[in-house]
C-alpha atoms as a PDB file:
ATOM      1  CA  UNK A   1     -39.049  12.308 -27.889  1.00  0.00           C
ATOM      2  CA  UNK A   2     -42.204  11.906 -25.860  1.00  0.00           C
ATOM      3  CA  UNK A   3     -42.225  13.670 -22.518  1.00  0.00           C
ATOM      4  CA  UNK A   4     -42.464  11.547 -19.394  1.00  0.00           C
ATOM      5  CA  UNK A   5     -44.875  11.915 -16.508  1.00  0.00           C
ATOM      6  CA  UNK A   6     -42.501  10.095 -14.148  1.00  0.00           C
ATOM      7  CA  UNK A   7     -42.069  11.462 -10.636  1.00  0.00           C
ATOM      8  CA  UNK A   8     -40.047  10.399  -7.648  1.00  0.00           C
ATOM      9  CA  UNK A   9     -41.877  10.976  -4.356  1.00  0.00           C
ATOM     10  CA  UNK A  10     -41.714  14.765  -4.252  1.00  0.00           C
ATOM     11  CA  UNK A  11     -40.475  14.829  -7.856  1.00  0.00           C
ATOM     12  CA  UNK A  12     -37.007  14.560  -9.388  1.00  0.00           C
ATOM     13  CA  UNK A  13     -36.426  18.014  -7.955  1.00  0.00           C
ATOM     14  CA  UNK A  14     -36.691  16.618  -4.419  1.00  0.00           C
ATOM     15  CA  UNK A  15     -33.269  15.038  -4.994  1.00  0.00           C
ATOM     16  CA  UNK A  16     -31.623  18.416  -5.468  1.00  0.00           C
ATOM     17  CA  UNK A  17     -30.018  20.502  -2.764  1.00  0.00           C
ATOM     18  CA  UNK A  18     -30.700  23.675  -4.737  1.00  0.00           C
ATOM     19  CA  UNK A  19     -32.412  22.925  -8.062  1.00  0.00           C
ATOM     20  CA  UNK A  20     -32.376  26.503  -9.382  1.00  0.00           C
ATOM     21  CA  UNK A  21     -28.663  26.895  -8.725  1.00  0.00           C
ATOM     22  CA  UNK A  22     -27.953  23.378 -10.027  1.00  0.00           C
ATOM     23  CA  UNK A  23     -29.566  24.213 -13.357  1.00  0.00           C
ATOM     24  CA  UNK A  24     -28.082  27.699 -13.684  1.00  0.00           C
ATOM     25  CA  UNK A  25     -26.455  28.668 -16.957  1.00  0.00           C
ATOM     26  CA  UNK A  26     -23.119  29.616 -15.414  1.00  0.00           C
ATOM     27  CA  UNK A  27     -22.631  26.114 -13.993  1.00  0.00           C
ATOM     28  CA  UNK A  28     -23.796  24.390 -17.172  1.00  0.00           C
ATOM     29  CA  UNK A  29     -21.626  21.433 -18.224  1.00  0.00           C
ATOM     30  CA  UNK A  30     -21.069  20.025 -21.669  1.00  0.00           C
ATOM     31  CA  UNK A  31     -23.241  17.002 -20.935  1.00  0.00           C
ATOM     32  CA  UNK A  32     -26.264  19.231 -20.261  1.00  0.00           C
ATOM     33  CA  UNK A  33     -26.319  20.156 -23.940  1.00  0.00           C
ATOM     34  CA  UNK A  34     -26.930  16.505 -24.768  1.00  0.00           C
ATOM     35  CA  UNK A  35     -29.423  15.428 -22.097  1.00  0.00           C
ATOM     36  CA  UNK A  36     -32.203  16.035 -24.612  1.00  0.00           C
ATOM     37  CA  UNK A  37     -30.598  13.514 -26.945  1.00  0.00           C
ATOM     38  CA  UNK A  38     -32.767  10.481 -27.560  1.00  0.00           C
ATOM     39  CA  UNK A  39     -32.732   8.227 -24.515  1.00  0.00           C
ATOM     40  CA  UNK A  40     -35.056   5.631 -23.063  1.00  0.00           C
ATOM     41  CA  UNK A  41     -38.162   7.439 -21.714  1.00  0.00           C
ATOM     42  CA  UNK A  42     -38.003   7.906 -17.966  1.00  0.00           C
ATOM     43  CA  UNK A  43     -41.332   6.151 -17.419  1.00  0.00           C
ATOM     44  CA  UNK A  44     -39.840   3.107 -19.099  1.00  0.00           C
ATOM     45  CA  UNK A  45     -36.731   3.318 -16.891  1.00  0.00           C
ATOM     46  CA  UNK A  46     -38.952   3.490 -13.841  1.00  0.00           C
ATOM     47  CA  UNK A  47     -40.847   0.433 -15.060  1.00  0.00           C
ATOM     48  CA  UNK A  48     -37.568  -1.410 -15.602  1.00  0.00           C
ATOM     49  CA  UNK A  49     -36.489  -0.520 -12.050  1.00  0.00           C
ATOM     50  CA  UNK A  50     -39.668  -1.570 -10.230  1.00  0.00           C
ATOM     51  CA  UNK A  51     -39.531  -4.869  -8.358  1.00  0.00           C
ATOM     52  CA  UNK A  52     -41.682  -7.326 -10.350  1.00  0.00           C
ATOM     53  CA  UNK A  53     -44.289  -9.444  -8.658  1.00  0.00           C
ATOM     54  CA  UNK A  54     -43.112 -12.915  -7.615  1.00  0.00           C
ATOM     55  CA  UNK A  55     -39.467 -11.808  -7.545  1.00  0.00           C
ATOM     56  CA  UNK A  56     -37.364 -11.793  -4.390  1.00  0.00           C
ATOM     57  CA  UNK A  57     -35.935  -8.354  -3.551  1.00  0.00           C
ATOM     58  CA  UNK A  58     -32.359  -9.536  -3.036  1.00  0.00           C
ATOM     59  CA  UNK A  59     -32.459 -11.532  -6.265  1.00  0.00           C
ATOM     60  CA  UNK A  60     -33.661  -8.391  -8.096  1.00  0.00           C
ATOM     61  CA  UNK A  61     -30.925  -6.245  -6.545  1.00  0.00           C
ATOM     62  CA  UNK A  62     -28.257  -8.815  -7.376  1.00  0.00           C
ATOM     63  CA  UNK A  63     -29.346  -9.296 -10.990  1.00  0.00           C
ATOM     64  CA  UNK A  64     -29.561  -5.566 -11.707  1.00  0.00           C
ATOM     65  CA  UNK A  65     -26.274  -4.847  -9.958  1.00  0.00           C
ATOM     66  CA  UNK A  66     -24.542  -7.330 -12.245  1.00  0.00           C
ATOM     67  CA  UNK A  67     -26.186  -5.680 -15.261  1.00  0.00           C
ATOM     68  CA  UNK A  68     -25.176  -2.166 -14.217  1.00  0.00           C
ATOM     69  CA  UNK A  69     -21.609  -3.289 -13.531  1.00  0.00           C
ATOM     70  CA  UNK A  70     -21.301  -4.852 -16.981  1.00  0.00           C
ATOM     71  CA  UNK A  71     -22.696  -1.782 -18.782  1.00  0.00           C
ATOM     72  CA  UNK A  72     -20.663   0.757 -16.812  1.00  0.00           C
ATOM     73  CA  UNK A  73     -17.519  -1.345 -17.141  1.00  0.00           C
ATOM     74  CA  UNK A  74     -18.016  -1.505 -20.911  1.00  0.00           C
ATOM     75  CA  UNK A  75     -18.580   2.253 -21.160  1.00  0.00           C
ATOM     76  CA  UNK A  76     -15.479   3.007 -19.142  1.00  0.00           C
ATOM     77  CA  UNK A  77     -13.515   0.509 -21.215  1.00  0.00           C
ATOM     78  CA  UNK A  78     -14.321   2.529 -24.335  1.00  0.00           C
ATOM     79  CA  UNK A  79     -13.115   5.723 -22.645  1.00  0.00           C
ATOM     80  CA  UNK A  80     -10.248   4.384 -20.533  1.00  0.00           C
ATOM     81  CA  UNK A  81      -7.542   5.468 -22.996  1.00  0.00           C
ATOM     82  CA  UNK A  82      -8.529   9.077 -22.227  1.00  0.00           C
ATOM     83  CA  UNK A  83      -8.249   8.523 -18.469  1.00  0.00           C
ATOM     84  CA  UNK A  84      -4.507   8.198 -17.966  1.00  0.00           C
ATOM     85  CA  UNK A  85      -2.700   9.031 -14.742  1.00  0.00           C
ATOM     86  CA  UNK A  86      -1.378  12.225 -16.325  1.00  0.00           C
ATOM     87  CA  UNK A  87      -4.789  13.337 -17.618  1.00  0.00           C
ATOM     88  CA  UNK A  88      -6.785  12.489 -14.471  1.00  0.00           C
ATOM     89  CA  UNK A  89      -4.374  12.839 -11.584  1.00  0.00           C
ATOM     90  CA  UNK A  90      -7.098  12.401  -8.981  1.00  0.00           C
ATOM     91  CA  UNK A  91     -10.411  10.545  -8.885  1.00  0.00           C
ATOM     92  CA  UNK A  92     -12.947  13.332  -9.058  1.00  0.00           C
ATOM     93  CA  UNK A  93     -16.338  14.481 -10.281  1.00  0.00           C
ATOM     94  CA  UNK A  94     -16.036  18.211 -10.730  1.00  0.00           C
ATOM     95  CA  UNK A  95     -15.165  19.760  -7.370  1.00  0.00           C
ATOM     96  CA  UNK A  96     -15.793  16.485  -5.531  1.00  0.00           C
ATOM     97  CA  UNK A  97     -12.689  14.372  -4.937  1.00  0.00           C
ATOM     98  CA  UNK A  98     -12.915  10.708  -3.962  1.00  0.00           C
ATOM     99  CA  UNK A  99     -10.491   8.797  -1.754  1.00  0.00           C
ATOM    100  CA  UNK A 100      -9.686   5.109  -1.868  1.00  0.00           C
ATOM    101  CA  UNK A 101      -9.956   3.431   1.536  1.00  0.00           C
ATOM    102  CA  UNK A 102      -7.360   0.737   2.103  1.00  0.00           C
ATOM    103  CA  UNK A 103      -8.002  -2.408   4.124  1.00  0.00           C
ATOM    104  CA  UNK A 104      -6.619  -0.840   7.307  1.00  0.00           C
ATOM    105  CA  UNK A 105      -8.901   2.166   6.894  1.00  0.00           C
ATOM    106  CA  UNK A 106      -6.280   4.565   5.542  1.00  0.00           C
ATOM    107  CA  UNK A 107      -7.691   6.868   2.863  1.00  0.00           C
ATOM    108  CA  UNK A 108      -5.584   7.740  -0.163  1.00  0.00           C
ATOM    109  CA  UNK A 109      -6.245   9.962  -3.163  1.00  0.00           C
ATOM    110  CA  UNK A 110      -5.321   8.066  -6.302  1.00  0.00           C
ATOM    111  CA  UNK A 111      -5.329   8.877 -10.012  1.00  0.00           C
ATOM    112  CA  UNK A 112      -8.766   8.166 -11.446  1.00  0.00           C
ATOM    113  CA  UNK A 113      -7.557   5.254 -13.562  1.00  0.00           C
ATOM    114  CA  UNK A 114      -6.034   3.485 -10.556  1.00  0.00           C
ATOM    115  CA  UNK A 115      -9.050   4.220  -8.343  1.00  0.00           C
ATOM    116  CA  UNK A 116     -11.469   2.867 -10.954  1.00  0.00           C
ATOM    117  CA  UNK A 117      -9.345  -0.221 -11.643  1.00  0.00           C
ATOM    118  CA  UNK A 118      -9.301  -1.059  -7.931  1.00  0.00           C
ATOM    119  CA  UNK A 119     -13.040  -0.429  -7.585  1.00  0.00           C
ATOM    120  CA  UNK A 120     -13.958  -2.543 -10.614  1.00  0.00           C
ATOM    121  CA  UNK A 121     -11.669  -5.366  -9.501  1.00  0.00           C
ATOM    122  CA  UNK A 122     -13.260  -5.331  -6.047  1.00  0.00           C
ATOM    123  CA  UNK A 123     -16.770  -5.372  -7.526  1.00  0.00           C
ATOM    124  CA  UNK A 124     -15.868  -8.153  -9.947  1.00  0.00           C
ATOM    125  CA  UNK A 125     -14.558 -10.235  -7.042  1.00  0.00           C
ATOM    126  CA  UNK A 126     -17.780  -9.713  -5.079  1.00  0.00           C
ATOM    127  CA  UNK A 127     -19.978 -10.572  -8.049  1.00  0.00           C
ATOM    128  CA  UNK A 128     -18.049 -13.783  -8.702  1.00  0.00           C
ATOM    129  CA  UNK A 129     -18.399 -14.909  -5.081  1.00  0.00           C
ATOM    130  CA  UNK A 130     -21.433 -17.197  -4.806  1.00  0.00           C
ATOM    131  CA  UNK A 131     -21.402 -16.706  -1.052  1.00  0.00           C
ATOM    132  CA  UNK A 132     -22.093 -13.005  -1.605  1.00  0.00           C
ATOM    133  CA  UNK A 133     -24.038 -13.152  -4.880  1.00  0.00           C
ATOM    134  CA  UNK A 134     -25.895 -16.493  -4.984  1.00  0.00           C
ATOM    135  CA  UNK A 135     -27.565 -15.746  -8.317  1.00  0.00           C
ATOM    136  CA  UNK A 136     -27.292 -19.092 -10.086  1.00  0.00           C
ATOM    137  CA  UNK A 137     -30.600 -20.501 -11.290  1.00  0.00           C
ATOM    138  CA  UNK A 138     -30.229 -23.519  -9.031  1.00  0.00           C
ATOM    139  CA  UNK A 139     -30.572 -21.352  -5.939  1.00  0.00           C
ATOM    140  CA  UNK A 140     -34.275 -20.771  -6.642  1.00  0.00           C
ATOM    141  CA  UNK A 141     -36.139 -23.365  -4.576  1.00  0.00           C
ATOM    142  CA  UNK A 142     -39.692 -22.697  -5.706  1.00  0.00           C
ATOM    143  CA  UNK A 143     -42.455 -20.134  -6.130  1.00  0.00           C
ATOM    144  CA  UNK A 144     -44.854 -19.050  -3.416  1.00  0.00           C
ATOM    145  CA  UNK A 145     -47.917 -16.844  -3.743  1.00  0.00           C
ATOM    146  CA  UNK A 146     -45.937 -13.670  -3.125  1.00  0.00           C
ATOM    147  CA  UNK A 147     -42.435 -14.232  -4.382  1.00  0.00           C
ATOM    148  CA  UNK A 148     -39.857 -16.550  -5.843  1.00  0.00           C
ATOM    149  CA  UNK A 149     -38.459 -18.529  -2.945  1.00  0.00           C
ATOM    150  CA  UNK A 150     -34.756 -18.288  -2.374  1.00  0.00           C
ATOM    151  CA  UNK A 151     -33.167 -20.131   0.508  1.00  0.00           C
ATOM    152  CA  UNK A 152     -32.751 -17.505   3.223  1.00  0.00           C
ATOM    153  CA  UNK A 153     -29.199 -18.669   3.834  1.00  0.00           C
ATOM    154  CA  UNK A 154     -28.270 -17.847   0.236  1.00  0.00           C
ATOM    155  CA  UNK A 155     -27.952 -14.109   0.760  1.00  0.00           C
ATOM    156  CA  UNK A 156     -25.720 -13.049   3.661  1.00  0.00           C
ATOM    157  CA  UNK A 157     -26.938 -10.578   6.282  1.00  0.00           C
ATOM    158  CA  UNK A 158     -24.509  -8.008   4.831  1.00  0.00           C
ATOM    159  CA  UNK A 159     -25.826  -8.400   1.283  1.00  0.00           C
ATOM    160  CA  UNK A 160     -27.664  -5.088   0.961  1.00  0.00           C
ATOM    161  CA  UNK A 161     -24.817  -3.148   2.571  1.00  0.00           C
ATOM    162  CA  UNK A 162     -22.509  -4.715  -0.029  1.00  0.00           C
ATOM    163  CA  UNK A 163     -24.923  -3.637  -2.765  1.00  0.00           C
ATOM    164  CA  UNK A 164     -24.798  -0.051  -1.464  1.00  0.00           C
ATOM    165  CA  UNK A 165     -21.007  -0.177  -1.455  1.00  0.00           C
ATOM    166  CA  UNK A 166     -20.978  -1.383  -5.067  1.00  0.00           C
ATOM    167  CA  UNK A 167     -23.461   1.298  -6.129  1.00  0.00           C
ATOM    168  CA  UNK A 168     -21.343   3.995  -4.523  1.00  0.00           C
ATOM    169  CA  UNK A 169     -18.299   2.849  -6.524  1.00  0.00           C
ATOM    170  CA  UNK A 170     -20.267   2.563  -9.767  1.00  0.00           C
ATOM    171  CA  UNK A 171     -21.771   6.000  -9.222  1.00  0.00           C
ATOM    172  CA  UNK A 172     -18.289   7.480  -8.801  1.00  0.00           C
ATOM    173  CA  UNK A 173     -17.322   6.046 -12.200  1.00  0.00           C
ATOM    174  CA  UNK A 174     -20.410   7.523 -13.878  1.00  0.00           C
ATOM    175  CA  UNK A 175     -19.887  10.895 -12.191  1.00  0.00           C
ATOM    176  CA  UNK A 176     -16.221  10.970 -13.220  1.00  0.00           C
ATOM    177  CA  UNK A 177     -17.141  10.244 -16.828  1.00  0.00           C
ATOM    178  CA  UNK A 178     -19.807  12.971 -16.817  1.00  0.00           C
ATOM    179  CA  UNK A 179     -17.411  15.599 -15.513  1.00  0.00           C
ATOM    180  CA  UNK A 180     -14.123  14.565 -17.101  1.00  0.00           C
ATOM    181  CA  UNK A 181     -14.842  12.563 -20.243  1.00  0.00           C
ATOM    182  CA  UNK A 182     -18.203  13.575 -21.646  1.00  0.00           C
ATOM    183  CA  UNK A 183     -16.612  15.195 -24.686  1.00  0.00           C
ATOM    184  CA  UNK A 184     -15.132  11.798 -25.524  1.00  0.00           C
ATOM    185  CA  UNK A 185     -18.569  10.244 -24.902  1.00  0.00           C
ATOM    186  CA  UNK A 186     -19.956  12.579 -27.571  1.00  0.00           C
ATOM    187  CA  UNK A 187     -16.983  12.057 -29.890  1.00  0.00           C
ATOM    188  CA  UNK A 188     -17.588   8.291 -29.971  1.00  0.00           C
ATOM    189  CA  UNK A 189     -21.368   8.876 -30.255  1.00  0.00           C
ATOM    190  CA  UNK A 190     -22.084   7.092 -26.986  1.00  0.00           C
ATOM    191  CA  UNK A 191     -24.164   9.856 -25.421  1.00  0.00           C
ATOM    192  CA  UNK A 192     -27.611   8.344 -26.039  1.00  0.00           C
ATOM    193  CA  UNK A 193     -26.684   5.036 -24.428  1.00  0.00           C
ATOM    194  CA  UNK A 194     -24.746   6.741 -21.658  1.00  0.00           C
ATOM    195  CA  UNK A 195     -27.590   9.153 -20.850  1.00  0.00           C
ATOM    196  CA  UNK A 196     -30.042   6.244 -20.587  1.00  0.00           C
ATOM    197  CA  UNK A 197     -27.638   4.180 -18.488  1.00  0.00           C
ATOM    198  CA  UNK A 198     -26.979   7.050 -16.087  1.00  0.00           C
ATOM    199  CA  UNK A 199     -30.670   7.926 -15.730  1.00  0.00           C
ATOM    200  CA  UNK A 200     -31.619   4.265 -15.212  1.00  0.00           C
ATOM    201  CA  UNK A 201     -28.859   3.823 -12.625  1.00  0.00           C
ATOM    202  CA  UNK A 202     -29.980   6.894 -10.653  1.00  0.00           C
ATOM    203  CA  UNK A 203     -33.660   5.902 -10.782  1.00  0.00           C
ATOM    204  CA  UNK A 204     -32.884   2.351  -9.664  1.00  0.00           C
ATOM    205  CA  UNK A 205     -30.584   3.552  -6.886  1.00  0.00           C
ATOM    206  CA  UNK A 206     -33.153   5.991  -5.540  1.00  0.00           C
ATOM    207  CA  UNK A 207     -36.009   3.504  -5.850  1.00  0.00           C
ATOM    208  CA  UNK A 208     -34.204   1.113  -3.502  1.00  0.00           C
ATOM    209  CA  UNK A 209     -32.359   3.774  -1.463  1.00  0.00           C
ATOM    210  CA  UNK A 210     -28.934   2.531  -2.514  1.00  0.00           C
ATOM    211  CA  UNK A 211     -27.412   6.017  -2.627  1.00  0.00           C
ATOM    212  CA  UNK A 212     -27.825   8.944  -0.272  1.00  0.00           C
ATOM    213  CA  UNK A 213     -28.834  12.354  -1.532  1.00  0.00           C
ATOM    214  CA  UNK A 214     -25.406  13.744  -0.638  1.00  0.00           C
ATOM    215  CA  UNK A 215     -23.836  11.162  -2.965  1.00  0.00           C
ATOM    216  CA  UNK A 216     -25.757  12.668  -5.897  1.00  0.00           C
ATOM    217  CA  UNK A 217     -24.348  16.182  -5.452  1.00  0.00           C
ATOM    218  CA  UNK A 218     -21.905  15.882  -8.389  1.00  0.00           C
ATOM    219  CA  UNK A 219     -24.768  15.130 -10.819  1.00  0.00           C
ATOM    220  CA  UNK A 220     -27.358  17.611  -9.550  1.00  0.00           C
ATOM    221  CA  UNK A 221     -27.174  19.472 -12.869  1.00  0.00           C
ATOM    222  CA  UNK A 222     -27.842  16.239 -14.739  1.00  0.00           C
ATOM    223  CA  UNK A 223     -30.851  15.478 -12.508  1.00  0.00           C
ATOM    224  CA  UNK A 224     -32.124  19.052 -12.926  1.00  0.00           C
ATOM    225  CA  UNK A 225     -31.885  18.712 -16.710  1.00  0.00           C
ATOM    226  CA  UNK A 226     -33.769  15.410 -16.567  1.00  0.00           C
ATOM    227  CA  UNK A 227     -36.395  17.113 -14.425  1.00  0.00           C
ATOM    228  CA  UNK A 228     -36.872  19.749 -17.107  1.00  0.00           C
ATOM    229  CA  UNK A 229     -37.002  17.056 -19.790  1.00  0.00           C
ATOM    230  CA  UNK A 230     -39.670  15.101 -17.860  1.00  0.00           C
ATOM    231  CA  UNK A 231     -41.738  18.231 -17.332  1.00  0.00           C
ATOM    232  CA  UNK A 232     -41.365  19.291 -20.967  1.00  0.00           C
ATOM    233  CA  UNK A 233     -39.588  22.530 -20.078  1.00  0.00           C
ATOM    234  CA  UNK A 234     -36.103  21.845 -21.394  1.00  0.00           C
ATOM    235  CA  UNK A 235     -34.684  23.746 -24.305  1.00  0.00           C
ATOM    236  CA  UNK A 236     -33.595  21.820 -27.408  1.00  0.00           C
ATOM    237  CA  UNK A 237     -30.094  20.392 -27.336  1.00  0.00           C
ATOM    238  CA  UNK A 238     -27.487  22.454 -29.143  1.00  0.00           C
ATOM    239  CA  UNK A 239     -25.795  21.026 -32.186  1.00  0.00           C
END
């Protein structure tokens, strides 16, 4: 595939805590052998992530969040039979374990399947709530010189914090799949789509600062491999 000239500010590598260690052979994961599989060029993913002219920022965030949820939910649905409570006793991404926070603030470690089901149900509820996600066409009130006008009361003051919460949950699902179910991803020949989806999600999240760098720690190897791919320094994928 054609190499990409895409760069984050400071480069993809700026997202890494320790890029050399992250890309080291001894910590290499199965999914790294398939990062060079055909996926949407990173420049194209960056273009798809950039806020278009005449589009309201919140409308763009809402629309893309719905799209990412649908794609990630579909991917997990394909793999869910491999994510039973006996196979994945805790929600994790490698050495990183995630806790579910209950309404009263109590944190509990749950099997991955239960954690993901709760997260997806919560996200689905938020997306269906027009008070939180006022994305119906009728909410657009007109077009100004700089952006599509959306009634300011449509999006609540907490909207972007809700988006960040959703992205954190969706990222946990992607990271869990990368670390625990990538062999199944390859077995069902989903790796090309999944690689593109994961790269697009990370690029979009970083473009709009929806995830913190510490959140990305479980996928530093994946980002390092993408960095090599963008710079044309990666080795060919193994068969």
